Amino acid sequence: MSPAPHHHARLRRGPVDGVHAEELHSGRSFGRHWHDGYGFGVMEAGGHRSASGRGTVEALPGHIVTSNPGEVHDGHPLQRLPRRWRMVHVSAAAMARLVDGEAREFTRPAFDDPRIRTAMASLFARWDEADGEGTATTASACEEALTQVCGLLAVHHSNRRVEMPAPAALDRVCDSLLDQRDAPPNLDQLARLACLSRFQLVRQFARWKGLPPFAWLQQQRLREARRLIATGSPLAEAAVACGFADQSHLHRQFVRHFGFTPGQWRRTMAGALQ
């Protein structure tokens, strides 16, 4: 049996609500998933291939990588070698407060921009200072550096976000899955609800949401689990409340999709800037 790929993940809570950082050094692949907010960061070593809503991308050392709210993506190491990257995740509400209040969408999933790379280096340097000193001044400097990065990305690498209305039939399918999350309808029942064949339902739902219906539902369960854990729910209770078999099942799904454990998420969200 081949050894498990190298993997190390560190989470850090940000200087304002709705912001955290993920620092990963990993040879693992990650399944298709999404984040509620914006993601941006720097590939520091190795290479990474990802299929996103904006096409397949390869990120190499020095590249800036981005993801938009709700954008389904995965991640695989190039040449099966570990890669190292640092990402900042900013909720849509926090991004609006930091920049100009408009809903935006990053235009490219990976690109080279020395201005952003320099601003990101400054942000993480200020973050390190805030971790070490823990004063109001260093926290403010970190928030200022974060605002600078978000502003540069907004001005040079984003467009206004246009929300597409949900197809009525598929909207009903989403409502049905969420209303019956613990015992969801089967594919045949969902297809009848949408007045589509099963194949049409899977294809059209995946085109709209980026995932087929039950994979989308699993992501909704993970999203709710993250919310519950962040607000202090015990891990076992969050697992059961979100339809996972047990805490171990929730643990495996977190690691597979996000690269960190529910316990790491709980500790990060419970702390101050760290």
Protein backbone atom coordinates (compact mmCIF):
# COMPACT_ATOMS: atom_id res chain seq x y z
CA MET A 1 0.00 0.00 0.00
CA SER A 2 1.40 3.43 -0.96
CA PRO A 3 1.79 5.96 1.87
CA ALA A 4 -0.82 8.67 2.33
CA PRO A 5 0.06 11.95 0.57
CA HIS A 6 1.71 14.62 2.67
CA HIS A 7 -0.85 17.03 4.12
CA HIS A 8 -0.70 19.91 6.58
CA ALA A 9 -3.37 22.57 7.07
CA ARG A 10 -3.44 25.67 9.26
CA LEU A 11 -6.44 27.95 9.74
CA ARG A 12 -6.32 31.51 11.00
CA ARG A 13 -9.20 33.80 11.91
CA GLY A 14 -9.12 37.22 10.27
CA PRO A 15 -9.08 40.80 11.55
CA VAL A 16 -12.79 41.31 10.79
CA ASP A 17 -15.85 39.06 10.95
CA GLY A 18 -16.32 36.84 7.93
CA VAL A 19 -12.61 36.46 7.14
CA HIS A 20 -10.21 33.57 7.67
CA ALA A 21 -7.06 32.21 6.04
CA GLU A 22 -6.12 28.68 5.06
CA GLU A 23 -2.45 27.73 4.69
CA LEU A 24 -1.94 24.31 3.12
CA HIS A 25 1.00 22.14 2.12
CA SER A 26 -0.54 19.07 0.56
CA GLY A 27 -0.23 16.31 -1.99
CA ARG A 28 -3.91 15.45 -1.70
CA SER A 29 -6.67 15.95 -4.20
CA PHE A 30 -9.88 17.65 -3.11
CA GLY A 31 -13.38 16.81 -4.29
CA ARG A 32 -15.73 19.25 -5.93
CA HIS A 33 -17.02 21.81 -3.45
CA TRP A 34 -17.69 25.52 -3.06
CA HIS A 35 -17.26 28.32 -0.56
CA ASP A 36 -19.95 30.84 0.40
CA GLY A 37 -17.56 33.77 0.08
CA TYR A 38 -14.66 34.94 -2.05
CA GLY A 39 -11.31 33.17 -2.02
CA PHE A 40 -7.96 34.57 -3.13
CA GLY A 41 -4.39 33.63 -2.44
CA VAL A 42 -0.92 32.78 -3.69
CA MET A 43 0.53 29.50 -4.92
CA GLU A 44 3.91 29.41 -3.19
CA ALA A 45 5.43 26.10 -4.31
CA GLY A 46 4.53 23.20 -6.57
CA GLY A 47 1.58 23.25 -8.92
CA HIS A 48 -2.16 22.84 -8.75
CA ARG A 49 -4.83 21.94 -11.32
CA SER A 50 -8.45 22.83 -10.72
CA ALA A 51 -11.70 22.63 -12.65
CA SER A 52 -13.77 25.71 -11.84
CA GLY A 53 -16.82 27.52 -13.12
CA ARG A 54 -14.46 29.61 -15.25
CA GLY A 55 -12.67 26.67 -16.86
CA THR A 56 -9.76 24.37 -16.04
CA VAL A 57 -6.75 26.16 -14.64
CA GLU A 58 -3.17 25.33 -13.69
CA ALA A 59 -1.62 27.48 -10.99
CA LEU A 60 2.17 27.62 -10.68
CA PRO A 61 4.43 29.27 -8.08
CA GLY A 62 3.70 33.00 -7.82
CA HIS A 63 0.25 32.79 -9.41
CA ILE A 64 -2.72 34.44 -7.75
CA VAL A 65 -5.68 32.04 -7.46
CA THR A 66 -9.29 33.10 -6.90
CA SER A 67 -12.76 31.65 -6.40
CA ASN A 68 -16.16 33.31 -6.40
CA PRO A 69 -19.03 32.70 -3.96
CA GLY A 70 -20.76 29.45 -4.81
CA GLU A 71 -18.30 28.54 -7.55
CA VAL A 72 -17.82 24.77 -7.69
CA HIS A 73 -14.20 23.68 -8.00
CA ASP A 74 -11.85 20.84 -7.13
CA GLY A 75 -8.08 20.62 -6.78
CA HIS A 76 -5.29 18.23 -7.75
CA PRO A 77 -1.50 18.41 -7.39
CA LEU A 78 0.51 18.60 -10.59
CA GLN A 79 2.68 15.51 -11.13
CA ARG A 80 1.31 14.12 -7.84
CA LEU A 81 3.76 16.27 -5.88
CA PRO A 82 2.84 18.33 -2.79
CA ARG A 83 2.11 22.00 -3.40
CA ARG A 84 1.95 24.87 -0.93
CA TRP A 85 -0.49 27.75 -1.05
CA ARG A 86 -2.15 30.35 1.17
CA MET A 87 -5.75 31.46 0.70
CA VAL A 88 -7.84 34.20 2.28
CA HIS A 89 -11.60 33.65 2.42
CA VAL A 90 -13.86 36.70 2.70
CA SER A 91 -17.64 36.53 3.03
CA ALA A 92 -19.71 38.50 0.54
CA ALA A 93 -20.88 40.82 3.34
CA ALA A 94 -17.29 41.46 4.50
CA MET A 95 -16.13 42.12 0.93
CA ALA A 96 -18.92 44.66 0.46
CA ARG A 97 -17.89 46.44 3.68
CA LEU A 98 -14.20 46.44 2.77
CA VAL A 99 -14.57 47.69 -0.80
CA ASP A 100 -17.52 49.59 -2.26
CA GLY A 101 -20.69 47.73 -1.36
CA GLU A 102 -21.17 46.22 -4.82
CA ALA A 103 -21.48 42.50 -5.52
CA ARG A 104 -18.47 41.51 -7.62
CA GLU A 105 -17.12 38.49 -9.45
CA PHE A 106 -13.45 37.70 -10.00
CA THR A 107 -12.80 37.40 -13.72
CA ARG A 108 -9.98 34.82 -13.79
CA PRO A 109 -9.29 31.79 -11.60
CA ALA A 110 -5.49 32.16 -11.82
CA PHE A 111 -3.19 34.91 -13.06
CA ASP A 112 0.15 36.58 -12.48
CA ASP A 113 0.04 40.10 -10.99
CA PRO A 114 3.08 41.38 -9.05
CA ARG A 115 0.96 44.12 -7.39
CA ILE A 116 -1.41 41.58 -5.86
CA ARG A 117 1.45 39.28 -4.91
CA THR A 118 3.23 42.12 -3.09
CA ALA A 119 0.01 43.20 -1.37
CA MET A 120 -0.65 39.61 -0.29
CA ALA A 121 2.86 39.34 1.18
CA SER A 122 2.23 42.55 3.13
CA LEU A 123 -1.12 41.21 4.36
CA PHE A 124 0.38 38.00 5.73
CA ALA A 125 3.26 39.95 7.31
CA ARG A 126 0.75 42.16 9.13
CA TRP A 127 -1.25 39.05 10.07
CA ASP A 128 1.90 37.50 11.59
CA GLU A 129 2.53 40.68 13.58
CA ALA A 130 -1.03 40.67 14.87
CA ASP A 131 -0.65 37.02 15.91
CA GLY A 132 2.54 37.82 17.78
CA GLU A 133 1.54 41.09 19.48
CA GLY A 134 -2.24 40.92 19.67
CA THR A 135 -2.68 44.68 20.00
CA ALA A 136 -5.38 46.89 18.54
CA THR A 137 -2.73 48.61 16.41
CA THR A 138 -1.48 45.42 14.78
CA ALA A 139 -5.05 44.19 14.21
CA SER A 140 -5.89 47.50 12.52
CA ALA A 141 -2.79 47.24 10.33
CA CYS A 142 -3.89 43.75 9.30
CA GLU A 143 -7.38 45.02 8.42
CA GLU A 144 -5.81 47.85 6.41
CA ALA A 145 -3.65 45.41 4.45
CA LEU A 146 -6.67 43.18 3.82
CA THR A 147 -8.63 46.18 2.51
CA GLN A 148 -5.76 47.03 0.17
CA VAL A 149 -5.72 43.53 -1.35
CA CYS A 150 -9.50 43.41 -1.75
CA GLY A 151 -9.50 46.85 -3.35
CA LEU A 152 -6.80 45.93 -5.88
CA LEU A 153 -8.65 42.76 -6.81
CA ALA A 154 -11.93 44.65 -7.15
CA VAL A 155 -10.43 47.34 -9.38
CA HIS A 156 -8.21 45.20 -11.60
CA HIS A 157 -9.64 41.68 -11.58
CA SER A 158 -13.41 41.77 -11.10
CA ASN A 159 -16.69 42.70 -12.75
CA ARG A 160 -20.07 43.43 -11.25
CA ARG A 161 -21.75 40.19 -10.23
CA VAL A 162 -24.96 39.46 -12.11
CA GLU A 163 -27.30 37.01 -10.40
CA MET A 164 -29.16 34.73 -12.80
CA PRO A 165 -32.74 33.89 -11.82
CA ALA A 166 -33.25 30.27 -10.86
CA PRO A 167 -35.25 28.09 -13.27
CA ALA A 168 -38.58 27.58 -11.52
CA ALA A 169 -38.59 23.78 -11.89
CA LEU A 170 -35.07 23.40 -10.51
CA ASP A 171 -35.81 25.88 -7.74
CA ARG A 172 -38.57 23.51 -6.61
CA VAL A 173 -36.07 20.65 -6.61
CA CYS A 174 -33.70 22.64 -4.39
CA ASP A 175 -36.52 23.49 -1.98
CA SER A 176 -37.58 19.85 -1.82
CA LEU A 177 -34.04 18.65 -1.09
CA LEU A 178 -33.53 21.22 1.64
CA ASP A 179 -36.95 20.67 3.21
CA GLN A 180 -36.35 16.90 3.37
CA ARG A 181 -32.61 16.96 3.94
CA ASP A 182 -32.55 14.02 6.38
CA ALA A 183 -34.59 11.75 4.07
CA PRO A 184 -34.49 13.39 0.62
CA PRO A 185 -36.69 12.32 -2.30
CA ASN A 186 -35.10 9.91 -4.75
CA LEU A 187 -34.07 10.90 -8.24
CA ASP A 188 -37.28 9.65 -9.81
CA GLN A 189 -39.38 11.75 -7.42
CA LEU A 190 -37.27 14.83 -8.08
CA ALA A 191 -37.55 14.32 -11.84
CA ARG A 192 -41.35 14.16 -11.60
CA LEU A 193 -41.36 17.31 -9.48
CA ALA A 194 -39.38 19.12 -12.18
CA CYS A 195 -41.35 17.54 -15.06
CA LEU A 196 -38.09 16.26 -16.54
CA SER A 197 -36.51 12.90 -17.22
CA ARG A 198 -33.93 11.79 -14.67
CA PHE A 199 -31.14 12.44 -17.17
CA GLN A 200 -32.49 15.90 -18.02
CA LEU A 201 -32.75 16.72 -14.33
CA VAL A 202 -29.17 15.70 -13.53
CA ARG A 203 -27.78 17.49 -16.58
CA GLN A 204 -29.75 20.72 -16.14
CA PHE A 205 -29.21 20.85 -12.37
CA ALA A 206 -25.45 20.36 -12.77
CA ARG A 207 -25.35 23.06 -15.46
CA TRP A 208 -27.14 25.48 -13.13
CA LYS A 209 -25.54 24.62 -9.78
CA GLY A 210 -22.23 23.07 -10.86
CA LEU A 211 -23.10 19.75 -9.18
CA PRO A 212 -25.83 17.13 -9.61
CA PRO A 213 -28.65 17.21 -7.06
CA PHE A 214 -27.36 14.90 -4.32
CA ALA A 215 -23.78 16.16 -4.50
CA TRP A 216 -25.23 19.68 -4.17
CA LEU A 217 -27.23 18.56 -1.13
CA GLN A 218 -24.07 17.17 0.47
CA GLN A 219 -22.42 20.56 0.06
CA GLN A 220 -25.43 22.20 1.69
CA ARG A 221 -25.03 19.83 4.64
CA LEU A 222 -21.36 20.75 4.94
CA ARG A 223 -22.21 24.43 4.69
CA GLU A 224 -24.70 24.15 7.53
CA ALA A 225 -22.26 22.10 9.61
CA ARG A 226 -19.63 24.82 9.25
CA ARG A 227 -22.16 27.41 10.37
CA LEU A 228 -23.26 25.40 13.39
CA ILE A 229 -19.70 24.60 14.46
CA ALA A 230 -18.68 28.24 14.08
CA THR A 231 -21.50 29.25 16.43
CA GLY A 232 -20.44 26.76 19.10
CA SER A 233 -22.39 23.56 18.44
CA PRO A 234 -20.61 20.37 19.57
CA LEU A 235 -19.22 18.41 16.64
CA ALA A 236 -21.35 15.32 17.25
CA GLU A 237 -24.52 17.41 17.44
CA ALA A 238 -23.64 19.32 14.27
CA ALA A 239 -23.03 16.04 12.45
CA VAL A 240 -26.42 14.61 13.37
CA ALA A 241 -28.25 17.90 12.74
CA CYS A 242 -26.85 18.09 9.21
CA GLY A 243 -27.63 14.52 8.19
CA PHE A 244 -24.24 12.86 8.62
CA ALA A 245 -24.12 9.34 10.00
CA ASP A 246 -21.88 10.37 12.90
CA GLN A 247 -18.98 12.64 13.83
CA SER A 248 -16.47 10.44 11.99
CA HIS A 249 -18.49 10.79 8.79
CA LEU A 250 -18.50 14.58 9.16
CA HIS A 251 -14.74 14.52 9.84
CA ARG A 252 -14.02 12.55 6.65
CA GLN A 253 -16.16 14.86 4.52
CA PHE A 254 -14.50 18.00 5.92
CA VAL A 255 -11.01 16.67 5.20
CA ARG A 256 -11.97 15.45 1.73
CA HIS A 257 -13.53 18.71 0.59
CA PHE A 258 -11.78 21.42 2.61
CA GLY A 259 -8.46 19.93 3.70
CA PHE A 260 -9.01 20.61 7.41
CA THR A 261 -10.98 18.94 10.20
CA PRO A 262 -14.15 20.09 11.97
CA GLY A 263 -12.06 20.45 15.13
CA GLN A 264 -9.65 22.81 13.41
CA TRP A 265 -12.59 24.87 12.15
CA ARG A 266 -14.11 25.04 15.65
CA ARG A 267 -10.85 26.14 17.28
CA THR A 268 -10.23 28.80 14.65
CA MET A 269 -13.73 30.26 14.81
CA ALA A 270 -13.65 30.26 18.63
CA GLY A 271 -10.44 32.28 18.81
CA ALA A 272 -9.54 35.88 18.14
CA LEU A 273 -7.18 36.90 15.36
CA GLN A 274 -4.81 33.92 15.25
